[in-house]
Amino acid sequence: MKYLFTIAAIVALTSFTTMKSNTIYQFKVPSINVGTIDFAKYEGKKILIVNTASKCGFTPQYEALEKLYEKYKDKLVVVGFPCNQFGNQEPGSSDEIVQFCKKNYGVTFPLAEKVDVKGPNISPVYKWLCNKSENGVLDATITWNFNKFLIDEHGKLLAYFPSTVTPDSPEILKYLN
C-alpha cells in the first residue's frame, strides 16, 4: 500500500509540474520598478501583458492601461514589457522609462526590464506567448508596439490583441466585466 501511495504522489506531482509549465506562472522576469515580477504571484487574477514603447504613436495607450489597472485591480494585473525593436521607439534606460511613464501617464503597474519580443533573442515569456507549441492556444506575430496578451486566472493564454485594439476596447473589456 505504501508503494502505491508513492506512485500516486509522484503522478500527482508530475501532473502539477506539467500544468505549471504550460502556464505563465513558470516565469519570473526582472522588473524596472518592483524587483522581480513573479507571475505565479498573480494566480487567481487575469494578466494583461503589453509590449510598450515611449516614443510610439500608440504610447498614449499607457493612460488607458493605467486606468484599466486601477479599475480592475482586484481581478487584473497589467504588466508592461518595454521593447526597442520597432523603430527604435524605446531607446531609454530603465530609469528613463520609469520616469517617463510616471510623469506622463501616472503608471503604477509593473514594468519589466526592456526585452526583445521577436527574433533570436526573444524573451522566454514572449516565446511562450507567441507560440502555440508552447502556450497551447495560438500563434501570434508581433509586428509593432502595444500588442496585448490576456492571460486567464489559471495562467493560460486567453486572447491576443494587436496594437490597434485599445486597452479600453469592448474586445478586451468583455473579458473583465
N, C-alpha and C. Protein backbone atom coordinates (compact mmCIF):
# COMPACT_ATOMS: atom_id res chain seq x y z
N MET A 1 0.83 -1.19 0.00
CA MET A 1 0.00 0.00 0.00
C MET A 1 0.87 1.26 0.00
N LYS A 2 1.95 1.23 0.80
CA LYS A 2 2.86 2.37 0.85
C LYS A 2 3.45 2.64 -0.53
N TYR A 3 3.77 1.61 -1.27
CA TYR A 3 4.33 1.73 -2.61
C TYR A 3 3.34 2.40 -3.56
N LEU A 4 2.06 2.03 -3.49
CA LEU A 4 1.04 2.62 -4.35
C LEU A 4 0.85 4.09 -4.05
N PHE A 5 0.89 4.47 -2.77
CA PHE A 5 0.75 5.87 -2.41
C PHE A 5 1.90 6.69 -3.00
N THR A 6 3.09 6.15 -2.97
CA THR A 6 4.26 6.84 -3.50
C THR A 6 4.12 7.07 -5.00
N ILE A 7 3.66 6.06 -5.72
CA ILE A 7 3.44 6.22 -7.16
C ILE A 7 2.36 7.27 -7.43
N ALA A 8 1.28 7.24 -6.68
CA ALA A 8 0.21 8.22 -6.84
C ALA A 8 0.72 9.63 -6.56
N ALA A 9 1.54 9.78 -5.53
CA ALA A 9 2.10 11.09 -5.20
C ALA A 9 3.00 11.60 -6.31
N ILE A 10 3.80 10.71 -6.89
CA ILE A 10 4.69 11.09 -7.99
C ILE A 10 3.87 11.50 -9.21
N VAL A 11 2.84 10.76 -9.52
CA VAL A 11 1.98 11.11 -10.67
C VAL A 11 1.32 12.46 -10.44
N ALA A 12 0.81 12.70 -9.23
CA ALA A 12 0.16 13.98 -8.92
C ALA A 12 1.15 15.13 -9.03
N LEU A 13 2.34 14.97 -8.48
CA LEU A 13 3.37 16.00 -8.55
C LEU A 13 3.79 16.26 -9.99
N THR A 14 3.95 15.22 -10.76
CA THR A 14 4.32 15.36 -12.17
C THR A 14 3.22 16.11 -12.93
N SER A 15 1.97 15.78 -12.66
CA SER A 15 0.86 16.47 -13.32
C SER A 15 0.84 17.94 -12.97
N PHE A 16 1.07 18.26 -11.68
CA PHE A 16 1.08 19.65 -11.23
C PHE A 16 2.22 20.40 -11.91
N THR A 17 3.41 19.81 -11.96
CA THR A 17 4.56 20.44 -12.60
C THR A 17 4.29 20.66 -14.08
N THR A 18 3.71 19.68 -14.75
CA THR A 18 3.39 19.81 -16.17
C THR A 18 2.38 20.92 -16.39
N MET A 19 1.36 21.00 -15.51
CA MET A 19 0.35 22.06 -15.63
C MET A 19 1.00 23.43 -15.49
N LYS A 20 1.89 23.59 -14.51
CA LYS A 20 2.57 24.87 -14.30
C LYS A 20 3.42 25.25 -15.50
N SER A 21 4.06 24.27 -16.15
CA SER A 21 4.96 24.58 -17.25
C SER A 21 4.21 25.03 -18.49
N ASN A 22 2.91 24.82 -18.54
CA ASN A 22 2.12 25.28 -19.67
C ASN A 22 1.32 26.54 -19.31
N THR A 23 1.78 27.24 -18.26
CA THR A 23 1.13 28.48 -17.84
C THR A 23 2.16 29.60 -17.75
N ILE A 24 1.66 30.80 -17.62
CA ILE A 24 2.53 31.97 -17.44
C ILE A 24 3.24 31.90 -16.09
N TYR A 25 2.70 31.10 -15.16
CA TYR A 25 3.24 31.04 -13.80
C TYR A 25 4.66 30.48 -13.73
N GLN A 26 5.14 29.88 -14.78
CA GLN A 26 6.51 29.34 -14.78
C GLN A 26 7.56 30.45 -14.89
N PHE A 27 7.13 31.69 -15.18
CA PHE A 27 8.09 32.75 -15.47
C PHE A 27 8.26 33.76 -14.33
N LYS A 28 9.52 34.16 -14.16
CA LYS A 28 9.90 35.29 -13.31
C LYS A 28 10.79 36.16 -14.19
N VAL A 29 10.54 37.46 -14.18
CA VAL A 29 11.34 38.36 -15.02
C VAL A 29 11.83 39.54 -14.19
N PRO A 30 12.99 40.09 -14.55
CA PRO A 30 13.47 41.29 -13.86
C PRO A 30 12.54 42.46 -14.13
N SER A 31 12.29 43.23 -13.10
CA SER A 31 11.43 44.41 -13.21
C SER A 31 12.27 45.67 -13.15
N ILE A 32 11.76 46.73 -13.75
CA ILE A 32 12.47 48.01 -13.63
C ILE A 32 11.87 48.86 -12.51
N ASN A 33 10.78 48.38 -11.89
CA ASN A 33 10.20 49.19 -10.82
C ASN A 33 9.72 48.43 -9.59
N VAL A 34 9.79 47.10 -9.57
CA VAL A 34 9.33 46.37 -8.39
C VAL A 34 10.19 45.15 -8.05
N GLY A 35 11.45 45.11 -8.40
CA GLY A 35 12.30 43.94 -8.11
C GLY A 35 12.18 42.87 -9.17
N THR A 36 11.44 41.80 -8.85
CA THR A 36 11.21 40.71 -9.79
C THR A 36 9.71 40.56 -9.99
N ILE A 37 9.30 40.35 -11.21
CA ILE A 37 7.91 40.05 -11.50
C ILE A 37 7.78 38.54 -11.54
N ASP A 38 7.11 37.99 -10.54
CA ASP A 38 6.87 36.56 -10.45
C ASP A 38 5.42 36.33 -10.83
N PHE A 39 5.19 35.81 -12.01
CA PHE A 39 3.83 35.64 -12.50
C PHE A 39 2.99 34.71 -11.63
N ALA A 40 3.62 33.79 -10.91
CA ALA A 40 2.88 32.89 -10.03
C ALA A 40 2.15 33.66 -8.92
N LYS A 41 2.66 34.84 -8.57
CA LYS A 41 2.01 35.67 -7.54
C LYS A 41 0.65 36.20 -8.01
N TYR A 42 0.40 36.15 -9.30
CA TYR A 42 -0.85 36.69 -9.84
C TYR A 42 -1.90 35.62 -10.08
N GLU A 43 -1.63 34.40 -9.61
CA GLU A 43 -2.61 33.33 -9.78
C GLU A 43 -3.95 33.78 -9.18
N GLY A 44 -5.03 33.54 -9.92
CA GLY A 44 -6.36 33.96 -9.49
C GLY A 44 -6.80 35.28 -10.09
N LYS A 45 -5.89 35.97 -10.78
CA LYS A 45 -6.21 37.21 -11.48
C LYS A 45 -5.91 37.05 -12.97
N LYS A 46 -6.58 37.83 -13.77
CA LYS A 46 -6.21 37.91 -15.18
C LYS A 46 -4.96 38.78 -15.27
N ILE A 47 -4.18 38.56 -16.32
CA ILE A 47 -2.96 39.34 -16.55
C ILE A 47 -2.99 39.85 -17.98
N LEU A 48 -2.79 41.14 -18.16
CA LEU A 48 -2.68 41.74 -19.49
C LEU A 48 -1.22 42.11 -19.70
N ILE A 49 -0.57 41.45 -20.65
CA ILE A 49 0.85 41.67 -20.96
C ILE A 49 0.93 42.49 -22.24
N VAL A 50 1.73 43.57 -22.19
CA VAL A 50 1.80 44.51 -23.31
C VAL A 50 3.26 44.86 -23.60
N ASN A 51 3.66 44.79 -24.88
CA ASN A 51 4.98 45.30 -25.24
C ASN A 51 4.85 46.81 -25.48
N THR A 52 5.64 47.59 -24.77
CA THR A 52 5.46 49.04 -24.74
C THR A 52 6.65 49.78 -25.32
N ALA A 53 6.43 51.07 -25.61
CA ALA A 53 7.49 51.96 -26.09
C ALA A 53 7.09 53.39 -25.78
N SER A 54 8.06 54.21 -25.45
CA SER A 54 7.80 55.60 -25.02
C SER A 54 7.67 56.60 -26.16
N LYS A 55 8.11 56.23 -27.37
CA LYS A 55 8.11 57.19 -28.47
C LYS A 55 7.35 56.66 -29.67
N CYS A 56 6.19 56.08 -29.40
CA CYS A 56 5.39 55.43 -30.43
C CYS A 56 4.05 56.15 -30.55
N GLY A 57 3.44 56.06 -31.70
CA GLY A 57 2.11 56.63 -31.88
C GLY A 57 1.08 55.99 -30.96
N PHE A 58 1.35 54.77 -30.49
CA PHE A 58 0.44 54.08 -29.57
C PHE A 58 0.77 54.35 -28.10
N THR A 59 1.83 55.12 -27.82
CA THR A 59 2.25 55.38 -26.45
C THR A 59 1.13 55.93 -25.56
N PRO A 60 0.21 56.76 -26.07
CA PRO A 60 -0.89 57.22 -25.21
C PRO A 60 -1.75 56.08 -24.63
N GLN A 61 -1.60 54.87 -25.15
CA GLN A 61 -2.31 53.74 -24.55
C GLN A 61 -1.88 53.49 -23.11
N TYR A 62 -0.73 54.00 -22.71
CA TYR A 62 -0.31 53.90 -21.31
C TYR A 62 -1.41 54.43 -20.39
N GLU A 63 -2.03 55.52 -20.77
CA GLU A 63 -3.08 56.11 -19.94
C GLU A 63 -4.25 55.14 -19.75
N ALA A 64 -4.71 54.53 -20.83
CA ALA A 64 -5.82 53.58 -20.74
C ALA A 64 -5.39 52.31 -20.01
N LEU A 65 -4.14 51.89 -20.17
CA LEU A 65 -3.65 50.73 -19.43
C LEU A 65 -3.67 50.99 -17.93
N GLU A 66 -3.24 52.18 -17.52
CA GLU A 66 -3.24 52.53 -16.10
C GLU A 66 -4.67 52.60 -15.56
N LYS A 67 -5.58 53.19 -16.32
CA LYS A 67 -6.99 53.26 -15.88
C LYS A 67 -7.58 51.85 -15.73
N LEU A 68 -7.28 50.98 -16.68
CA LEU A 68 -7.74 49.60 -16.62
C LEU A 68 -7.19 48.90 -15.37
N TYR A 69 -5.91 49.09 -15.13
CA TYR A 69 -5.24 48.50 -13.97
C TYR A 69 -5.89 48.98 -12.67
N GLU A 70 -6.15 50.27 -12.58
CA GLU A 70 -6.76 50.84 -11.38
C GLU A 70 -8.20 50.35 -11.20
N LYS A 71 -8.97 50.34 -12.27
CA LYS A 71 -10.39 49.97 -12.19
C LYS A 71 -10.59 48.50 -11.83
N TYR A 72 -9.76 47.63 -12.40
CA TYR A 72 -9.94 46.18 -12.22
C TYR A 72 -8.87 45.56 -11.33
N LYS A 73 -8.25 46.36 -10.48
CA LYS A 73 -7.11 45.94 -9.66
C LYS A 73 -7.37 44.65 -8.87
N ASP A 74 -8.63 44.43 -8.49
CA ASP A 74 -8.94 43.24 -7.71
C ASP A 74 -8.93 41.96 -8.54
N LYS A 75 -9.00 42.10 -9.90
CA LYS A 75 -9.03 40.89 -10.72
C LYS A 75 -8.14 40.95 -11.96
N LEU A 76 -7.31 42.00 -12.07
CA LEU A 76 -6.44 42.15 -13.24
C LEU A 76 -5.12 42.79 -12.86
N VAL A 77 -4.05 42.27 -13.45
CA VAL A 77 -2.73 42.89 -13.34
C VAL A 77 -2.28 43.21 -14.76
N VAL A 78 -1.79 44.42 -14.96
CA VAL A 78 -1.20 44.81 -16.24
C VAL A 78 0.32 44.75 -16.06
N VAL A 79 1.01 44.16 -17.03
CA VAL A 79 2.47 44.11 -16.99
C VAL A 79 3.00 44.62 -18.33
N GLY A 80 3.79 45.69 -18.26
CA GLY A 80 4.40 46.25 -19.46
C GLY A 80 5.80 45.71 -19.68
N PHE A 81 6.09 45.42 -20.94
CA PHE A 81 7.42 44.96 -21.34
C PHE A 81 7.99 45.95 -22.35
N PRO A 82 8.77 46.95 -21.90
CA PRO A 82 9.39 47.87 -22.85
C PRO A 82 10.22 47.12 -23.88
N CYS A 83 10.16 47.59 -25.12
CA CYS A 83 10.86 46.93 -26.22
C CYS A 83 11.32 47.99 -27.21
N ASN A 84 12.53 47.86 -27.70
CA ASN A 84 13.10 48.83 -28.64
C ASN A 84 13.26 48.24 -30.04
N GLN A 85 12.49 47.21 -30.38
CA GLN A 85 12.67 46.53 -31.66
C GLN A 85 11.89 47.16 -32.82
N PHE A 86 11.02 48.09 -32.54
CA PHE A 86 10.18 48.65 -33.60
C PHE A 86 10.46 50.14 -33.73
N GLY A 87 11.24 50.51 -34.72
CA GLY A 87 11.55 51.91 -34.98
C GLY A 87 12.38 52.58 -33.91
N ASN A 88 13.11 51.79 -33.11
CA ASN A 88 13.92 52.34 -32.02
C ASN A 88 13.11 53.32 -31.16
N GLN A 89 11.87 52.92 -30.83
CA GLN A 89 10.97 53.81 -30.12
C GLN A 89 11.01 53.66 -28.60
N GLU A 90 11.94 52.84 -28.11
CA GLU A 90 12.16 52.74 -26.66
C GLU A 90 13.66 52.73 -26.40
N PRO A 91 14.33 53.88 -26.71
CA PRO A 91 15.79 53.93 -26.59
C PRO A 91 16.30 54.16 -25.17
N GLY A 92 15.43 54.58 -24.25
CA GLY A 92 15.86 54.99 -22.92
C GLY A 92 16.34 53.88 -22.02
N SER A 93 17.00 54.32 -20.95
CA SER A 93 17.44 53.39 -19.89
C SER A 93 16.22 53.02 -19.04
N SER A 94 16.40 52.07 -18.16
CA SER A 94 15.30 51.68 -17.27
C SER A 94 14.79 52.86 -16.46
N ASP A 95 15.71 53.65 -15.90
CA ASP A 95 15.30 54.82 -15.11
C ASP A 95 14.53 55.82 -15.97
N GLU A 96 14.99 56.05 -17.18
CA GLU A 96 14.29 56.98 -18.08
C GLU A 96 12.89 56.48 -18.42
N ILE A 97 12.75 55.19 -18.64
CA ILE A 97 11.44 54.61 -18.96
C ILE A 97 10.49 54.79 -17.79
N VAL A 98 10.94 54.44 -16.59
CA VAL A 98 10.10 54.57 -15.39
C VAL A 98 9.68 56.02 -15.19
N GLN A 99 10.63 56.93 -15.28
CA GLN A 99 10.31 58.35 -15.08
C GLN A 99 9.32 58.85 -16.13
N PHE A 100 9.53 58.48 -17.39
CA PHE A 100 8.62 58.87 -18.47
C PHE A 100 7.20 58.37 -18.18
N CYS A 101 7.10 57.11 -17.82
CA CYS A 101 5.78 56.50 -17.59
C CYS A 101 5.06 57.13 -16.41
N LYS A 102 5.79 57.39 -15.33
CA LYS A 102 5.17 58.01 -14.15
C LYS A 102 4.78 59.46 -14.42
N LYS A 103 5.69 60.21 -15.00
CA LYS A 103 5.46 61.64 -15.23
C LYS A 103 4.33 61.88 -16.22
N ASN A 104 4.32 61.16 -17.31
CA ASN A 104 3.36 61.43 -18.38
C ASN A 104 2.04 60.69 -18.27
N TYR A 105 2.05 59.51 -17.63
CA TYR A 105 0.84 58.69 -17.61
C TYR A 105 0.48 58.14 -16.23
N GLY A 106 1.26 58.47 -15.21
CA GLY A 106 0.96 58.02 -13.86
C GLY A 106 1.01 56.51 -13.69
N VAL A 107 1.83 55.85 -14.48
CA VAL A 107 1.88 54.38 -14.48
C VAL A 107 2.33 53.85 -13.11
N THR A 108 1.51 52.94 -12.57
CA THR A 108 1.85 52.25 -11.32
C THR A 108 1.92 50.74 -11.51
N PHE A 109 1.49 50.24 -12.67
CA PHE A 109 1.54 48.79 -12.89
C PHE A 109 2.98 48.35 -13.14
N PRO A 110 3.26 47.06 -12.92
CA PRO A 110 4.64 46.57 -13.07
C PRO A 110 5.17 46.71 -14.50
N LEU A 111 6.43 47.09 -14.58
CA LEU A 111 7.15 47.16 -15.86
C LEU A 111 8.38 46.26 -15.77
N ALA A 112 8.53 45.40 -16.75
CA ALA A 112 9.69 44.52 -16.83
C ALA A 112 10.88 45.30 -17.41
N GLU A 113 12.04 44.73 -17.26
CA GLU A 113 13.21 45.27 -17.96
C GLU A 113 12.95 45.18 -19.46
N LYS A 114 13.63 46.01 -20.22
CA LYS A 114 13.48 46.01 -21.68
C LYS A 114 13.83 44.63 -22.23
N VAL A 115 13.00 44.15 -23.18
CA VAL A 115 13.18 42.82 -23.76
C VAL A 115 13.03 42.85 -25.28
N ASP A 116 13.41 41.76 -25.91
CA ASP A 116 13.09 41.50 -27.31
C ASP A 116 11.82 40.66 -27.32
N VAL A 117 10.88 41.00 -28.19
CA VAL A 117 9.62 40.26 -28.28
C VAL A 117 9.53 39.42 -29.55
N LYS A 118 10.62 39.41 -30.31
CA LYS A 118 10.72 38.58 -31.52
C LYS A 118 12.20 38.38 -31.82
N GLY A 119 12.47 37.48 -32.75
CA GLY A 119 13.85 37.28 -33.21
C GLY A 119 14.65 36.33 -32.34
N PRO A 120 15.97 36.26 -32.63
CA PRO A 120 16.82 35.26 -31.97
C PRO A 120 16.99 35.48 -30.47
N ASN A 121 16.79 36.71 -29.98
CA ASN A 121 16.95 37.00 -28.55
C ASN A 121 15.61 37.20 -27.85
N ILE A 122 14.57 36.59 -28.39
CA ILE A 122 13.23 36.75 -27.82
C ILE A 122 13.21 36.35 -26.35
N SER A 123 12.53 37.14 -25.56
CA SER A 123 12.35 36.83 -24.14
C SER A 123 11.59 35.51 -24.00
N PRO A 124 11.96 34.67 -23.03
CA PRO A 124 11.22 33.40 -22.85
C PRO A 124 9.71 33.60 -22.65
N VAL A 125 9.32 34.67 -21.99
CA VAL A 125 7.88 34.96 -21.81
C VAL A 125 7.23 35.15 -23.18
N TYR A 126 7.86 35.93 -24.03
CA TYR A 126 7.28 36.18 -25.35
C TYR A 126 7.36 34.97 -26.27
N LYS A 127 8.37 34.15 -26.07
CA LYS A 127 8.43 32.90 -26.84
C LYS A 127 7.21 32.05 -26.49
N TRP A 128 6.88 32.00 -25.20
CA TRP A 128 5.70 31.25 -24.75
C TRP A 128 4.42 31.89 -25.28
N LEU A 129 4.32 33.21 -25.18
CA LEU A 129 3.11 33.92 -25.61
C LEU A 129 2.84 33.76 -27.10
N CYS A 130 3.87 33.75 -27.92
CA CYS A 130 3.72 33.80 -29.38
C CYS A 130 3.69 32.45 -30.07
N ASN A 131 3.89 31.37 -29.34
CA ASN A 131 3.98 30.05 -29.98
C ASN A 131 2.97 29.06 -29.43
N LYS A 132 2.06 28.63 -30.28
CA LYS A 132 1.04 27.66 -29.89
C LYS A 132 1.68 26.40 -29.33
N SER A 133 2.83 26.02 -29.86
CA SER A 133 3.51 24.81 -29.36
C SER A 133 3.91 24.97 -27.89
N GLU A 134 4.00 26.20 -27.40
CA GLU A 134 4.36 26.45 -26.01
C GLU A 134 3.15 26.80 -25.15
N ASN A 135 2.25 27.66 -25.69
CA ASN A 135 1.11 28.12 -24.88
C ASN A 135 -0.14 27.26 -25.06
N GLY A 136 -0.16 26.44 -26.10
CA GLY A 136 -1.28 25.53 -26.33
C GLY A 136 -2.52 26.17 -26.91
N VAL A 137 -2.47 27.48 -27.25
CA VAL A 137 -3.68 28.17 -27.69
C VAL A 137 -3.55 28.77 -29.09
N LEU A 138 -2.51 29.58 -29.30
CA LEU A 138 -2.41 30.27 -30.58
C LEU A 138 -0.98 30.70 -30.88
N ASP A 139 -0.76 30.97 -32.17
CA ASP A 139 0.48 31.59 -32.62
C ASP A 139 0.20 33.07 -32.82
N ALA A 140 1.13 33.92 -32.47
CA ALA A 140 0.99 35.37 -32.67
C ALA A 140 2.29 35.92 -33.21
N THR A 141 2.17 36.86 -34.12
CA THR A 141 3.34 37.54 -34.66
C THR A 141 3.25 39.01 -34.27
N ILE A 142 4.21 39.45 -33.49
CA ILE A 142 4.23 40.84 -33.05
C ILE A 142 4.93 41.66 -34.12
N THR A 143 4.24 42.64 -34.65
CA THR A 143 4.81 43.46 -35.72
C THR A 143 5.02 44.92 -35.30
N TRP A 144 4.56 45.28 -34.07
CA TRP A 144 4.73 46.65 -33.60
C TRP A 144 4.55 46.70 -32.10
N ASN A 145 4.64 47.88 -31.53
CA ASN A 145 4.47 48.10 -30.10
C ASN A 145 3.00 47.98 -29.69
N PHE A 146 2.79 47.76 -28.43
CA PHE A 146 1.47 47.73 -27.79
C PHE A 146 0.56 46.60 -28.27
N ASN A 147 1.17 45.44 -28.52
CA ASN A 147 0.39 44.21 -28.70
C ASN A 147 0.04 43.74 -27.29
N LYS A 148 -1.13 43.12 -27.16
CA LYS A 148 -1.62 42.73 -25.84
C LYS A 148 -1.98 41.25 -25.80
N PHE A 149 -1.60 40.61 -24.71
CA PHE A 149 -1.93 39.21 -24.47
C PHE A 149 -2.68 39.14 -23.15
N LEU A 150 -3.86 38.53 -23.17
CA LEU A 150 -4.64 38.38 -21.95
C LEU A 150 -4.53 36.95 -21.45
N ILE A 151 -4.16 36.82 -20.19
CA ILE A 151 -3.98 35.53 -19.54
C ILE A 151 -5.15 35.35 -18.56
N ASP A 152 -5.70 34.15 -18.47
CA ASP A 152 -6.83 33.93 -17.56
C ASP A 152 -6.35 33.72 -16.12
N GLU A 153 -7.28 33.50 -15.21
CA GLU A 153 -6.99 33.37 -13.78
C GLU A 153 -6.20 32.12 -13.43
N HIS A 154 -6.05 31.22 -14.39
CA HIS A 154 -5.31 29.98 -14.17
C HIS A 154 -3.96 29.97 -14.90
N GLY A 155 -3.58 31.12 -15.44
CA GLY A 155 -2.28 31.25 -16.09
C GLY A 155 -2.24 30.82 -17.55
N LYS A 156 -3.40 30.57 -18.13
CA LYS A 156 -3.48 30.14 -19.54
C LYS A 156 -3.73 31.34 -20.45
N LEU A 157 -3.15 31.30 -21.63
CA LEU A 157 -3.39 32.35 -22.62
C LEU A 157 -4.85 32.32 -23.03
N LEU A 158 -5.50 33.49 -22.96
CA LEU A 158 -6.91 33.61 -23.27
C LEU A 158 -7.14 34.28 -24.62
N ALA A 159 -6.39 35.36 -24.89
CA ALA A 159 -6.61 36.11 -26.13
C ALA A 159 -5.40 36.97 -26.46
N TYR A 160 -5.32 37.32 -27.74
CA TYR A 160 -4.26 38.21 -28.26
C TYR A 160 -4.94 39.37 -28.98
N PHE A 161 -4.38 40.58 -28.80
CA PHE A 161 -4.93 41.78 -29.44
C PHE A 161 -3.78 42.59 -30.06
N PRO A 162 -3.93 43.01 -31.31
CA PRO A 162 -2.89 43.82 -31.94
C PRO A 162 -2.88 45.25 -31.37
N SER A 163 -1.92 46.03 -31.80
CA SER A 163 -1.72 47.40 -31.32
C SER A 163 -2.97 48.27 -31.44
N THR A 164 -3.72 48.07 -32.50
CA THR A 164 -4.87 48.94 -32.77
C THR A 164 -6.04 48.71 -31.82
N VAL A 165 -6.04 47.61 -31.09
CA VAL A 165 -7.08 47.36 -30.09
C VAL A 165 -6.64 48.04 -28.80
N THR A 166 -7.39 49.05 -28.38
CA THR A 166 -7.01 49.82 -27.20
C THR A 166 -7.39 49.07 -25.93
N PRO A 167 -6.71 49.38 -24.83
CA PRO A 167 -6.99 48.69 -23.56
C PRO A 167 -8.44 48.82 -23.08
N ASP A 168 -9.11 49.90 -23.47
CA ASP A 168 -10.50 50.11 -23.04
C ASP A 168 -11.51 49.70 -24.10
N SER A 169 -11.09 48.92 -25.06
CA SER A 169 -11.97 48.49 -26.15
C SER A 169 -12.93 47.39 -25.67
N PRO A 170 -14.08 47.27 -26.31
CA PRO A 170 -15.03 46.20 -25.97
C PRO A 170 -14.40 44.81 -26.11
N GLU A 171 -13.47 44.64 -27.05
CA GLU A 171 -12.82 43.34 -27.25
C GLU A 171 -12.10 42.86 -25.99
N ILE A 172 -11.52 43.80 -25.25
CA ILE A 172 -10.82 43.46 -24.00
C ILE A 172 -11.78 43.48 -22.82
N LEU A 173 -12.60 44.51 -22.73
CA LEU A 173 -13.49 44.67 -21.60
C LEU A 173 -14.46 43.51 -21.41
N LYS A 174 -14.84 42.85 -22.50
CA LYS A 174 -15.78 41.73 -22.38
C LYS A 174 -15.22 40.61 -21.50
N TYR A 175 -13.90 40.52 -21.40
CA TYR A 175 -13.27 39.51 -20.57
C TYR A 175 -13.20 39.93 -19.09
N LEU A 176 -13.43 41.21 -18.82
CA LEU A 176 -13.26 41.74 -17.46
C LEU A 176 -14.57 42.03 -16.76
N ASN A 177 -15.63 42.20 -17.51
CA ASN A 177 -16.93 42.54 -16.89
C ASN A 177 -17.77 41.32 -16.61
